[in-house]
Amino acid sequence: MRVVDLESRLRAAGCVFAEDEAAALVEAFGAPEELEVAVARRESGEPLEYVVGYARFDGLRIRLLPGVFVPRPRAEPLVWAASRELRRRRGAARALDLGCGSGALAAALAARAGFAEIIATDIDPRAVQCARLNAARWAYTVLSGDWFCGLPAECRAGFNVVVAYLPHVPAADLAGLPRDYREAEPGLSVHGGPDGLDPLRRVLT
């Protein structure tokens, strides 16, 4: 398949960044038969990150499993601010990633502040599995549980930094999300309740 034909197919399927996506697909799938299957998956609306098996986040290549929230660049400033605080603390630095999904925030923190103890939690078994795949490369600990409930009692205090990319879309706005976002990614990762703030209230209380 010629790259120009691949780009045309992706563009016709509504992919805004068809050139970039075509390059990622060609890199990930060398055999023509595999590439054709991958392109068909993308044309059907499956997120590119699920098709190629990874997402780019803060300069890292984060492993991704279907059904796990896709990390996006707009969350990177959380990592930058948190890593600055961890570097300031240095010796006894501890960080917690709540609702970690793929573990992208924890992985990026570990890459920027490898001296810190970093713990990540999630209630979704698939997310926990995915986060542990990434933890094998970037040193952090993954625990299963709902927000702080995933932590043993003796570990719940003493964090210098808590990061979380919380579900924040109001219920009335869910239907307006892009199709790949709405249909492929887990609802728990975006549904923020009536006003989009329910998860934030739970974390703060």
N, C-alpha and C. Protein backbone atom coordinates (compact mmCIF):
# COMPACT_ATOMS: atom_id res chain seq x y z
N MET A 1 0.84 -1.19 0.00
CA MET A 1 0.00 0.00 0.00
C MET A 1 0.88 1.25 0.00
N ARG A 2 0.63 2.14 -0.94
CA ARG A 2 1.40 3.38 -0.98
C ARG A 2 0.98 4.29 0.18
N VAL A 3 1.95 5.03 0.69
CA VAL A 3 1.66 5.91 1.82
C VAL A 3 0.60 6.93 1.45
N VAL A 4 0.66 7.44 0.23
CA VAL A 4 -0.31 8.46 -0.18
C VAL A 4 -1.73 7.87 -0.19
N ASP A 5 -1.85 6.59 -0.57
CA ASP A 5 -3.17 5.95 -0.54
C ASP A 5 -3.64 5.73 0.90
N LEU A 6 -2.71 5.36 1.75
CA LEU A 6 -3.03 5.18 3.17
C LEU A 6 -3.51 6.49 3.77
N GLU A 7 -2.80 7.58 3.48
CA GLU A 7 -3.21 8.88 4.00
C GLU A 7 -4.60 9.25 3.50
N SER A 8 -4.89 8.96 2.24
CA SER A 8 -6.20 9.28 1.67
C SER A 8 -7.31 8.50 2.38
N ARG A 9 -7.06 7.24 2.65
CA ARG A 9 -8.06 6.43 3.35
C ARG A 9 -8.31 6.95 4.76
N LEU A 10 -7.25 7.30 5.45
CA LEU A 10 -7.40 7.82 6.81
C LEU A 10 -8.12 9.16 6.80
N ARG A 11 -7.78 10.00 5.84
CA ARG A 11 -8.44 11.31 5.75
C ARG A 11 -9.93 11.13 5.48
N ALA A 12 -10.26 10.20 4.59
CA ALA A 12 -11.66 9.94 4.28
C ALA A 12 -12.42 9.40 5.48
N ALA A 13 -11.70 8.74 6.39
CA ALA A 13 -12.33 8.20 7.60
C ALA A 13 -12.46 9.25 8.69
N GLY A 14 -12.00 10.47 8.40
CA GLY A 14 -12.14 11.56 9.37
C GLY A 14 -10.94 11.78 10.26
N CYS A 15 -9.80 11.17 9.94
CA CYS A 15 -8.59 11.35 10.74
C CYS A 15 -7.95 12.70 10.39
N VAL A 16 -7.93 13.60 11.33
CA VAL A 16 -7.43 14.96 11.08
C VAL A 16 -5.94 14.96 10.79
N PHE A 17 -5.19 14.13 11.51
CA PHE A 17 -3.73 14.08 11.34
C PHE A 17 -3.36 12.83 10.55
N ALA A 18 -3.91 12.72 9.35
CA ALA A 18 -3.74 11.51 8.54
C ALA A 18 -2.29 11.20 8.25
N GLU A 19 -1.48 12.21 7.97
CA GLU A 19 -0.07 11.96 7.64
C GLU A 19 0.67 11.35 8.83
N ASP A 20 0.46 11.92 10.01
CA ASP A 20 1.12 11.40 11.21
C ASP A 20 0.64 9.99 11.53
N GLU A 21 -0.66 9.76 11.39
CA GLU A 21 -1.20 8.44 11.69
C GLU A 21 -0.68 7.40 10.69
N ALA A 22 -0.59 7.78 9.43
CA ALA A 22 -0.07 6.86 8.42
C ALA A 22 1.35 6.45 8.75
N ALA A 23 2.17 7.41 9.16
CA ALA A 23 3.56 7.11 9.52
C ALA A 23 3.62 6.15 10.70
N ALA A 24 2.76 6.37 11.71
CA ALA A 24 2.75 5.50 12.88
C ALA A 24 2.32 4.08 12.51
N LEU A 25 1.34 3.95 11.63
CA LEU A 25 0.87 2.63 11.23
C LEU A 25 1.92 1.88 10.42
N VAL A 26 2.58 2.59 9.51
CA VAL A 26 3.62 1.96 8.69
C VAL A 26 4.77 1.49 9.57
N GLU A 27 5.12 2.30 10.58
CA GLU A 27 6.20 1.93 11.49
C GLU A 27 5.83 0.69 12.31
N ALA A 28 4.57 0.60 12.73
CA ALA A 28 4.15 -0.48 13.62
C ALA A 28 3.88 -1.79 12.89
N PHE A 29 3.47 -1.71 11.63
CA PHE A 29 3.05 -2.91 10.90
C PHE A 29 3.80 -3.00 9.58
N GLY A 30 4.81 -3.86 9.55
CA GLY A 30 5.64 -3.99 8.36
C GLY A 30 5.02 -4.81 7.26
N ALA A 31 4.35 -5.91 7.61
CA ALA A 31 3.76 -6.80 6.61
C ALA A 31 2.50 -6.16 6.01
N PRO A 32 2.33 -6.22 4.69
CA PRO A 32 1.16 -5.61 4.05
C PRO A 32 -0.17 -6.10 4.62
N GLU A 33 -0.25 -7.40 4.93
CA GLU A 33 -1.51 -7.93 5.46
C GLU A 33 -1.82 -7.34 6.84
N GLU A 34 -0.80 -7.22 7.68
CA GLU A 34 -0.99 -6.64 9.00
C GLU A 34 -1.37 -5.17 8.90
N LEU A 35 -0.74 -4.46 7.97
CA LEU A 35 -1.04 -3.04 7.79
C LEU A 35 -2.48 -2.86 7.34
N GLU A 36 -2.95 -3.69 6.44
CA GLU A 36 -4.33 -3.59 5.95
C GLU A 36 -5.32 -3.79 7.09
N VAL A 37 -5.08 -4.78 7.94
CA VAL A 37 -5.96 -5.02 9.09
C VAL A 37 -5.94 -3.81 10.03
N ALA A 38 -4.76 -3.25 10.27
CA ALA A 38 -4.63 -2.11 11.16
C ALA A 38 -5.36 -0.89 10.61
N VAL A 39 -5.23 -0.65 9.31
CA VAL A 39 -5.91 0.49 8.69
C VAL A 39 -7.42 0.33 8.79
N ALA A 40 -7.89 -0.89 8.56
CA ALA A 40 -9.33 -1.14 8.66
C ALA A 40 -9.83 -0.88 10.08
N ARG A 41 -9.04 -1.25 11.07
CA ARG A 41 -9.42 -0.97 12.46
C ARG A 41 -9.54 0.53 12.69
N ARG A 42 -8.58 1.27 12.18
CA ARG A 42 -8.62 2.73 12.36
C ARG A 42 -9.78 3.34 11.61
N GLU A 43 -10.05 2.84 10.41
CA GLU A 43 -11.18 3.36 9.63
C GLU A 43 -12.51 3.11 10.35
N SER A 44 -12.57 2.06 11.14
CA SER A 44 -13.80 1.75 11.86
C SER A 44 -14.03 2.67 13.06
N GLY A 45 -13.03 3.48 13.39
CA GLY A 45 -13.15 4.41 14.50
C GLY A 45 -12.37 4.02 15.73
N GLU A 46 -11.67 2.89 15.69
CA GLU A 46 -10.84 2.50 16.84
C GLU A 46 -9.69 3.48 16.99
N PRO A 47 -9.43 3.97 18.20
CA PRO A 47 -8.34 4.94 18.39
C PRO A 47 -7.00 4.41 17.89
N LEU A 48 -6.23 5.29 17.29
CA LEU A 48 -4.92 4.91 16.76
C LEU A 48 -4.07 4.24 17.83
N GLU A 49 -4.12 4.77 19.04
CA GLU A 49 -3.27 4.25 20.12
C GLU A 49 -3.59 2.79 20.45
N TYR A 50 -4.85 2.39 20.32
CA TYR A 50 -5.20 0.99 20.53
C TYR A 50 -4.67 0.13 19.39
N VAL A 51 -4.72 0.67 18.19
CA VAL A 51 -4.29 -0.09 17.01
C VAL A 51 -2.79 -0.37 17.07
N VAL A 52 -1.99 0.67 17.39
CA VAL A 52 -0.53 0.49 17.39
C VAL A 52 -0.01 -0.02 18.73
N GLY A 53 -0.84 0.09 19.80
CA GLY A 53 -0.45 -0.47 21.09
C GLY A 53 0.35 0.45 21.98
N TYR A 54 0.39 1.72 21.65
CA TYR A 54 1.12 2.66 22.51
C TYR A 54 0.59 4.07 22.30
N ALA A 55 0.94 4.95 23.24
CA ALA A 55 0.62 6.37 23.13
C ALA A 55 1.88 7.17 23.46
N ARG A 56 2.04 8.30 22.81
CA ARG A 56 3.15 9.19 23.12
C ARG A 56 2.71 10.13 24.24
N PHE A 57 3.53 10.21 25.29
CA PHE A 57 3.19 11.08 26.42
C PHE A 57 4.47 11.60 27.05
N ASP A 58 4.63 12.89 27.08
CA ASP A 58 5.79 13.55 27.69
C ASP A 58 7.10 12.95 27.18
N GLY A 59 7.15 12.67 25.90
CA GLY A 59 8.36 12.13 25.30
C GLY A 59 8.55 10.64 25.48
N LEU A 60 7.61 9.98 26.16
CA LEU A 60 7.71 8.54 26.41
C LEU A 60 6.76 7.77 25.50
N ARG A 61 7.09 6.53 25.28
CA ARG A 61 6.21 5.63 24.52
C ARG A 61 5.52 4.72 25.54
N ILE A 62 4.25 5.01 25.83
CA ILE A 62 3.49 4.34 26.87
C ILE A 62 2.70 3.17 26.27
N ARG A 63 2.95 1.97 26.79
CA ARG A 63 2.18 0.80 26.34
C ARG A 63 0.70 1.04 26.64
N LEU A 64 -0.16 0.58 25.72
CA LEU A 64 -1.59 0.79 25.89
C LEU A 64 -2.35 -0.45 25.47
N LEU A 65 -3.33 -0.83 26.28
CA LEU A 65 -4.22 -1.94 25.96
C LEU A 65 -5.60 -1.40 25.60
N PRO A 66 -6.31 -2.04 24.67
CA PRO A 66 -7.67 -1.60 24.35
C PRO A 66 -8.53 -1.53 25.59
N GLY A 67 -9.33 -0.47 25.68
CA GLY A 67 -10.20 -0.29 26.83
C GLY A 67 -9.60 0.50 27.96
N VAL A 68 -8.33 0.90 27.82
CA VAL A 68 -7.67 1.73 28.83
C VAL A 68 -7.61 3.16 28.30
N PHE A 69 -7.88 4.12 29.17
CA PHE A 69 -7.92 5.53 28.76
C PHE A 69 -6.63 5.95 28.07
N VAL A 70 -6.76 6.63 26.95
CA VAL A 70 -5.61 7.09 26.17
C VAL A 70 -5.04 8.36 26.80
N PRO A 71 -3.79 8.34 27.26
CA PRO A 71 -3.20 9.57 27.82
C PRO A 71 -3.00 10.61 26.73
N ARG A 72 -3.24 11.88 27.08
CA ARG A 72 -3.18 12.94 26.09
C ARG A 72 -2.23 14.05 26.55
N PRO A 73 -1.65 14.76 25.59
CA PRO A 73 -0.65 15.79 25.93
C PRO A 73 -1.15 16.86 26.88
N ARG A 74 -2.46 17.11 26.91
CA ARG A 74 -2.96 18.17 27.79
C ARG A 74 -2.74 17.85 29.27
N ALA A 75 -2.44 16.59 29.59
CA ALA A 75 -2.15 16.22 30.98
C ALA A 75 -0.67 16.38 31.33
N GLU A 76 0.17 16.66 30.35
CA GLU A 76 1.61 16.74 30.62
C GLU A 76 1.99 17.85 31.61
N PRO A 77 1.32 19.01 31.60
CA PRO A 77 1.66 20.03 32.61
C PRO A 77 1.54 19.54 34.05
N LEU A 78 0.66 18.57 34.31
CA LEU A 78 0.59 17.97 35.66
C LEU A 78 1.93 17.35 36.04
N VAL A 79 2.53 16.66 35.08
CA VAL A 79 3.82 16.01 35.33
C VAL A 79 4.90 17.05 35.56
N TRP A 80 4.91 18.09 34.76
CA TRP A 80 5.96 19.11 34.89
C TRP A 80 5.91 19.77 36.27
N ALA A 81 4.69 20.14 36.70
CA ALA A 81 4.56 20.79 38.00
C ALA A 81 4.90 19.83 39.14
N ALA A 82 4.41 18.59 39.04
CA ALA A 82 4.67 17.62 40.10
C ALA A 82 6.14 17.26 40.20
N SER A 83 6.82 17.12 39.07
CA SER A 83 8.24 16.76 39.11
C SER A 83 9.08 17.88 39.69
N ARG A 84 8.67 19.12 39.46
CA ARG A 84 9.39 20.25 40.08
C ARG A 84 9.29 20.17 41.60
N GLU A 85 8.10 19.85 42.10
CA GLU A 85 7.91 19.74 43.55
C GLU A 85 8.71 18.57 44.11
N LEU A 86 8.73 17.46 43.40
CA LEU A 86 9.50 16.30 43.87
C LEU A 86 10.99 16.60 43.91
N ARG A 87 11.49 17.31 42.91
CA ARG A 87 12.92 17.67 42.91
C ARG A 87 13.24 18.61 44.06
N ARG A 88 12.27 19.45 44.41
CA ARG A 88 12.48 20.36 45.54
C ARG A 88 12.57 19.58 46.85
N ARG A 89 11.77 18.53 46.97
CA ARG A 89 11.77 17.71 48.18
C ARG A 89 12.98 16.78 48.23
N ARG A 90 13.32 16.26 47.09
CA ARG A 90 14.46 15.38 46.87
C ARG A 90 14.49 14.15 47.80
N GLY A 91 15.11 14.23 48.94
CA GLY A 91 15.43 13.05 49.74
C GLY A 91 14.27 12.12 50.04
N ALA A 92 13.16 12.63 50.56
CA ALA A 92 12.04 11.78 51.00
C ALA A 92 10.82 11.99 50.11
N ALA A 93 11.03 12.15 48.83
CA ALA A 93 9.93 12.49 47.93
C ALA A 93 9.03 11.28 47.67
N ARG A 94 7.71 11.51 47.79
CA ARG A 94 6.72 10.47 47.51
C ARG A 94 5.60 11.07 46.67
N ALA A 95 5.15 10.30 45.67
CA ALA A 95 4.07 10.78 44.79
C ALA A 95 3.03 9.69 44.61
N LEU A 96 1.78 10.13 44.42
CA LEU A 96 0.66 9.21 44.24
C LEU A 96 -0.10 9.60 42.98
N ASP A 97 -0.35 8.62 42.11
CA ASP A 97 -1.14 8.81 40.90
C ASP A 97 -2.47 8.08 41.10
N LEU A 98 -3.55 8.85 41.28
CA LEU A 98 -4.87 8.28 41.54
C LEU A 98 -5.61 8.03 40.22
N GLY A 99 -6.23 6.86 40.09
CA GLY A 99 -6.93 6.54 38.85
C GLY A 99 -5.97 6.56 37.69
N CYS A 100 -4.91 5.76 37.79
CA CYS A 100 -3.74 5.93 36.92
C CYS A 100 -3.95 5.50 35.48
N GLY A 101 -4.98 4.70 35.19
CA GLY A 101 -5.15 4.25 33.81
C GLY A 101 -3.92 3.48 33.34
N SER A 102 -3.33 3.92 32.25
CA SER A 102 -2.15 3.26 31.70
C SER A 102 -0.90 3.44 32.55
N GLY A 103 -0.97 4.36 33.52
CA GLY A 103 0.22 4.67 34.32
C GLY A 103 1.08 5.75 33.69
N ALA A 104 0.53 6.48 32.73
CA ALA A 104 1.32 7.48 32.00
C ALA A 104 1.87 8.56 32.93
N LEU A 105 1.03 9.08 33.84
CA LEU A 105 1.51 10.11 34.75
C LEU A 105 2.62 9.57 35.65
N ALA A 106 2.40 8.38 36.19
CA ALA A 106 3.41 7.76 37.07
C ALA A 106 4.70 7.49 36.31
N ALA A 107 4.59 7.00 35.08
CA ALA A 107 5.77 6.72 34.28
C ALA A 107 6.55 7.99 33.98
N ALA A 108 5.83 9.04 33.61
CA ALA A 108 6.50 10.30 33.30
C ALA A 108 7.16 10.90 34.54
N LEU A 109 6.50 10.78 35.69
CA LEU A 109 7.11 11.24 36.93
C LEU A 109 8.36 10.44 37.25
N ALA A 110 8.29 9.13 37.05
CA ALA A 110 9.45 8.28 37.32
C ALA A 110 10.61 8.63 36.39
N ALA A 111 10.29 8.97 35.15
CA ALA A 111 11.34 9.34 34.19
C ALA A 111 11.99 10.66 34.57
N ARG A 112 11.21 11.58 35.14
CA ARG A 112 11.73 12.91 35.48
C ARG A 112 12.28 12.97 36.90
N ALA A 113 11.79 12.12 37.78
CA ALA A 113 12.20 12.16 39.19
C ALA A 113 12.36 10.73 39.69
N GLY A 114 13.31 10.02 39.13
CA GLY A 114 13.49 8.61 39.43
C GLY A 114 13.88 8.31 40.86
N PHE A 115 14.30 9.32 41.60
CA PHE A 115 14.67 9.13 43.00
C PHE A 115 13.45 9.01 43.91
N ALA A 116 12.26 9.40 43.42
CA ALA A 116 11.06 9.45 44.25
C ALA A 116 10.38 8.08 44.31
N GLU A 117 9.67 7.85 45.42
CA GLU A 117 8.79 6.68 45.52
C GLU A 117 7.46 7.06 44.89
N ILE A 118 7.03 6.32 43.89
CA ILE A 118 5.81 6.65 43.16
C ILE A 118 4.87 5.45 43.21
N ILE A 119 3.63 5.71 43.64
CA ILE A 119 2.60 4.68 43.72
C ILE A 119 1.43 5.10 42.84
N ALA A 120 0.86 4.15 42.11
CA ALA A 120 -0.28 4.41 41.24
C ALA A 120 -1.41 3.45 41.57
N THR A 121 -2.65 3.94 41.54
CA THR A 121 -3.80 3.09 41.84
C THR A 121 -4.86 3.21 40.75
N ASP A 122 -5.61 2.12 40.55
CA ASP A 122 -6.77 2.16 39.65
C ASP A 122 -7.69 1.01 40.03
N ILE A 123 -8.99 1.20 39.80
CA ILE A 123 -9.97 0.18 40.14
C ILE A 123 -10.22 -0.79 38.99
N ASP A 124 -9.86 -0.39 37.76
CA ASP A 124 -10.12 -1.20 36.56
C ASP A 124 -9.01 -2.24 36.39
N PRO A 125 -9.33 -3.53 36.39
CA PRO A 125 -8.29 -4.56 36.26
C PRO A 125 -7.46 -4.42 34.99
N ARG A 126 -8.09 -4.00 33.90
CA ARG A 126 -7.32 -3.85 32.65
C ARG A 126 -6.34 -2.70 32.76
N ALA A 127 -6.77 -1.61 33.41
CA ALA A 127 -5.86 -0.48 33.61
C ALA A 127 -4.70 -0.88 34.50
N VAL A 128 -4.99 -1.64 35.56
CA VAL A 128 -3.92 -2.11 36.45
C VAL A 128 -2.92 -2.96 35.67
N GLN A 129 -3.43 -3.85 34.82
CA GLN A 129 -2.54 -4.68 34.00
C GLN A 129 -1.67 -3.82 33.10
N CYS A 130 -2.28 -2.83 32.46
CA CYS A 130 -1.54 -1.95 31.55
C CYS A 130 -0.51 -1.13 32.31
N ALA A 131 -0.90 -0.58 33.45
CA ALA A 131 0.03 0.23 34.24
C ALA A 131 1.22 -0.59 34.70
N ARG A 132 0.99 -1.86 35.01
CA ARG A 132 2.10 -2.71 35.44
C ARG A 132 3.05 -3.03 34.29
N LEU A 133 2.53 -3.12 33.08
CA LEU A 133 3.40 -3.29 31.91
C LEU A 133 4.35 -2.10 31.80
N ASN A 134 3.82 -0.90 32.01
CA ASN A 134 4.67 0.28 31.93
C ASN A 134 5.59 0.42 33.14
N ALA A 135 5.11 -0.05 34.31
CA ALA A 135 5.95 0.01 35.51
C ALA A 135 7.18 -0.88 35.39
N ALA A 136 7.11 -1.88 34.52
CA ALA A 136 8.28 -2.74 34.32
C ALA A 136 9.43 -1.98 33.68
N ARG A 137 9.11 -0.89 33.00
CA ARG A 137 10.16 -0.07 32.38
C ARG A 137 10.50 1.14 33.22
N TRP A 138 9.48 1.78 33.79
CA TRP A 138 9.70 2.95 34.64
C TRP A 138 9.30 2.56 36.06
N ALA A 139 10.20 2.72 36.98
CA ALA A 139 10.05 2.15 38.32
C ALA A 139 8.98 2.88 39.14
N TYR A 140 7.82 2.26 39.27
CA TYR A 140 6.79 2.72 40.20
C TYR A 140 5.94 1.51 40.57
N THR A 141 5.14 1.66 41.63
CA THR A 141 4.33 0.56 42.15
C THR A 141 2.87 0.77 41.77
N VAL A 142 2.21 -0.29 41.32
CA VAL A 142 0.80 -0.22 40.93
C VAL A 142 -0.03 -1.06 41.90
N LEU A 143 -1.08 -0.43 42.46
CA LEU A 143 -1.99 -1.11 43.38
C LEU A 143 -3.41 -1.05 42.83
N SER A 144 -4.21 -2.07 43.12
CA SER A 144 -5.58 -2.14 42.64
C SER A 144 -6.53 -1.62 43.71
N GLY A 145 -7.40 -0.68 43.34
CA GLY A 145 -8.37 -0.15 44.29
C GLY A 145 -8.95 1.16 43.82
N ASP A 146 -10.02 1.58 44.46
CA ASP A 146 -10.75 2.79 44.10
C ASP A 146 -10.15 4.00 44.81
N TRP A 147 -9.47 4.84 44.03
CA TRP A 147 -8.83 6.03 44.56
C TRP A 147 -7.92 5.68 45.74
N PHE A 148 -8.10 6.33 46.88
CA PHE A 148 -7.25 6.07 48.05
C PHE A 148 -7.48 4.68 48.65
N CYS A 149 -8.61 4.05 48.31
CA CYS A 149 -8.91 2.73 48.88
C CYS A 149 -7.94 1.66 48.39
N GLY A 150 -7.22 1.95 47.34
CA GLY A 150 -6.23 0.99 46.86
C GLY A 150 -4.97 0.96 47.68
N LEU A 151 -4.85 1.89 48.61
CA LEU A 151 -3.63 2.01 49.41
C LEU A 151 -3.78 1.32 50.76
N PRO A 152 -2.79 0.56 51.20
CA PRO A 152 -2.80 0.08 52.59
C PRO A 152 -2.85 1.27 53.55
N ALA A 153 -3.48 1.09 54.69
CA ALA A 153 -3.66 2.20 55.63
C ALA A 153 -2.35 2.89 55.97
N GLU A 154 -1.28 2.12 56.10
CA GLU A 154 0.00 2.71 56.50
C GLU A 154 0.65 3.53 55.40
N CYS A 155 0.09 3.45 54.18
CA CYS A 155 0.70 4.18 53.06
C CYS A 155 -0.08 5.43 52.66
N ARG A 156 -1.17 5.74 53.35
CA ARG A 156 -2.06 6.79 52.88
C ARG A 156 -1.61 8.19 53.25
N ALA A 157 -0.61 8.31 54.07
CA ALA A 157 -0.13 9.64 54.47
C ALA A 157 1.29 9.84 53.95
N GLY A 158 1.70 11.10 53.93
CA GLY A 158 3.09 11.41 53.64
C GLY A 158 3.43 11.61 52.18
N PHE A 159 2.42 11.76 51.32
CA PHE A 159 2.72 12.04 49.92
C PHE A 159 2.98 13.53 49.73
N ASN A 160 4.06 13.84 49.04
CA ASN A 160 4.37 15.23 48.73
C ASN A 160 3.54 15.74 47.56
N VAL A 161 3.18 14.81 46.67
CA VAL A 161 2.46 15.17 45.45
C VAL A 161 1.39 14.12 45.18
N VAL A 162 0.18 14.56 44.85
CA VAL A 162 -0.87 13.68 44.36
C VAL A 162 -1.30 14.19 42.99
N VAL A 163 -1.21 13.33 41.98
CA VAL A 163 -1.64 13.71 40.64
C VAL A 163 -2.81 12.83 40.23
N ALA A 164 -3.69 13.38 39.42
CA ALA A 164 -4.84 12.60 38.92
C ALA A 164 -5.43 13.33 37.73
N TYR A 165 -5.61 12.60 36.64
CA TYR A 165 -6.35 13.15 35.51
C TYR A 165 -7.76 12.59 35.63
N LEU A 166 -8.60 13.33 36.35
CA LEU A 166 -9.90 12.81 36.78
C LEU A 166 -10.94 12.88 35.67
N PRO A 167 -11.93 11.96 35.69
CA PRO A 167 -13.09 12.10 34.81
C PRO A 167 -13.73 13.46 35.06
N HIS A 168 -14.06 14.18 33.99
CA HIS A 168 -14.52 15.56 34.19
C HIS A 168 -15.60 16.00 33.20
N VAL A 169 -16.10 15.10 32.38
CA VAL A 169 -17.10 15.49 31.39
C VAL A 169 -18.49 15.40 32.02
N PRO A 170 -19.27 16.50 32.03
CA PRO A 170 -20.64 16.44 32.56
C PRO A 170 -21.48 15.43 31.79
N ALA A 171 -22.41 14.79 32.48
CA ALA A 171 -23.22 13.74 31.88
C ALA A 171 -23.92 14.21 30.61
N ALA A 172 -24.40 15.45 30.61
CA ALA A 172 -25.14 15.96 29.46
C ALA A 172 -24.25 16.15 28.23
N ASP A 173 -22.94 16.19 28.42
CA ASP A 173 -22.02 16.44 27.31
C ASP A 173 -21.41 15.17 26.74
N LEU A 174 -21.67 14.02 27.35
CA LEU A 174 -21.03 12.78 26.91
C LEU A 174 -21.36 12.44 25.47
N ALA A 175 -22.61 12.68 25.08
CA ALA A 175 -23.03 12.32 23.72
C ALA A 175 -22.32 13.15 22.66
N GLY A 176 -21.79 14.30 23.04
CA GLY A 176 -21.11 15.16 22.08
C GLY A 176 -19.64 14.88 21.90
N LEU A 177 -19.10 13.89 22.62
CA LEU A 177 -17.69 13.55 22.48
C LEU A 177 -17.43 12.91 21.13
N PRO A 178 -16.20 13.02 20.60
CA PRO A 178 -15.86 12.32 19.36
C PRO A 178 -16.16 10.83 19.47
N ARG A 179 -16.48 10.22 18.33
CA ARG A 179 -16.92 8.82 18.35
C ARG A 179 -15.89 7.89 18.97
N ASP A 180 -14.61 8.03 18.58
CA ASP A 180 -13.61 7.11 19.11
C ASP A 180 -13.44 7.28 20.61
N TYR A 181 -13.58 8.52 21.08
CA TYR A 181 -13.50 8.82 22.51
C TYR A 181 -14.71 8.21 23.23
N ARG A 182 -15.88 8.39 22.64
CA ARG A 182 -17.14 8.00 23.29
C ARG A 182 -17.36 6.49 23.29
N GLU A 183 -17.00 5.82 22.20
CA GLU A 183 -17.36 4.41 22.04
C GLU A 183 -16.25 3.45 22.45
N ALA A 184 -14.99 3.85 22.31
CA ALA A 184 -13.90 2.90 22.53
C ALA A 184 -13.29 3.01 23.92
N GLU A 185 -13.22 4.21 24.46
CA GLU A 185 -12.55 4.39 25.74
C GLU A 185 -13.53 4.14 26.90
N PRO A 186 -13.02 3.75 28.06
CA PRO A 186 -13.90 3.39 29.17
C PRO A 186 -14.70 4.57 29.70
N GLY A 187 -16.01 4.35 29.90
CA GLY A 187 -16.86 5.43 30.37
C GLY A 187 -16.45 5.99 31.71
N LEU A 188 -15.94 5.13 32.60
CA LEU A 188 -15.53 5.60 33.92
C LEU A 188 -14.41 6.63 33.85
N SER A 189 -13.66 6.63 32.76
CA SER A 189 -12.52 7.54 32.66
C SER A 189 -12.92 8.95 32.25
N VAL A 190 -14.16 9.14 31.79
CA VAL A 190 -14.58 10.46 31.34
C VAL A 190 -15.82 10.98 32.07
N HIS A 191 -16.66 10.09 32.59
CA HIS A 191 -17.95 10.48 33.17
C HIS A 191 -17.74 11.18 34.50
N GLY A 192 -18.01 12.49 34.53
CA GLY A 192 -17.79 13.27 35.74
C GLY A 192 -19.03 13.57 36.54
N GLY A 193 -20.16 12.90 36.22
CA GLY A 193 -21.39 13.17 36.95
C GLY A 193 -22.14 14.35 36.36
N PRO A 194 -23.20 14.82 37.02
CA PRO A 194 -24.05 15.87 36.46
C PRO A 194 -23.30 17.14 36.05
N ASP A 195 -22.34 17.58 36.87
CA ASP A 195 -21.62 18.81 36.54
C ASP A 195 -20.15 18.58 36.21
N GLY A 196 -19.74 17.33 36.13
CA GLY A 196 -18.35 17.02 35.80
C GLY A 196 -17.40 17.04 36.97
N LEU A 197 -17.90 17.31 38.17
CA LEU A 197 -17.02 17.49 39.32
C LEU A 197 -17.15 16.41 40.39
N ASP A 198 -17.98 15.40 40.16
CA ASP A 198 -18.17 14.36 41.18
C ASP A 198 -16.86 13.67 41.57
N PRO A 199 -16.03 13.23 40.61
CA PRO A 199 -14.77 12.58 41.00
C PRO A 199 -13.86 13.50 41.81
N LEU A 200 -13.81 14.78 41.44
CA LEU A 200 -12.97 15.72 42.18
C LEU A 200 -13.44 15.85 43.62
N ARG A 201 -14.74 15.90 43.82
CA ARG A 201 -15.27 16.00 45.19
C ARG A 201 -14.88 14.76 46.00
N ARG A 202 -14.96 13.59 45.38
CA ARG A 202 -14.61 12.36 46.10
C ARG A 202 -13.14 12.38 46.52
N VAL A 203 -12.29 12.81 45.64
CA VAL A 203 -10.85 12.83 45.96
C VAL A 203 -10.56 13.84 47.07
N LEU A 204 -11.19 14.99 47.01
CA LEU A 204 -10.90 16.05 47.98
C LEU A 204 -11.47 15.76 49.36
N THR A 205 -12.47 14.89 49.43
CA THR A 205 -13.04 14.57 50.73
C THR A 205 -12.47 13.27 51.28
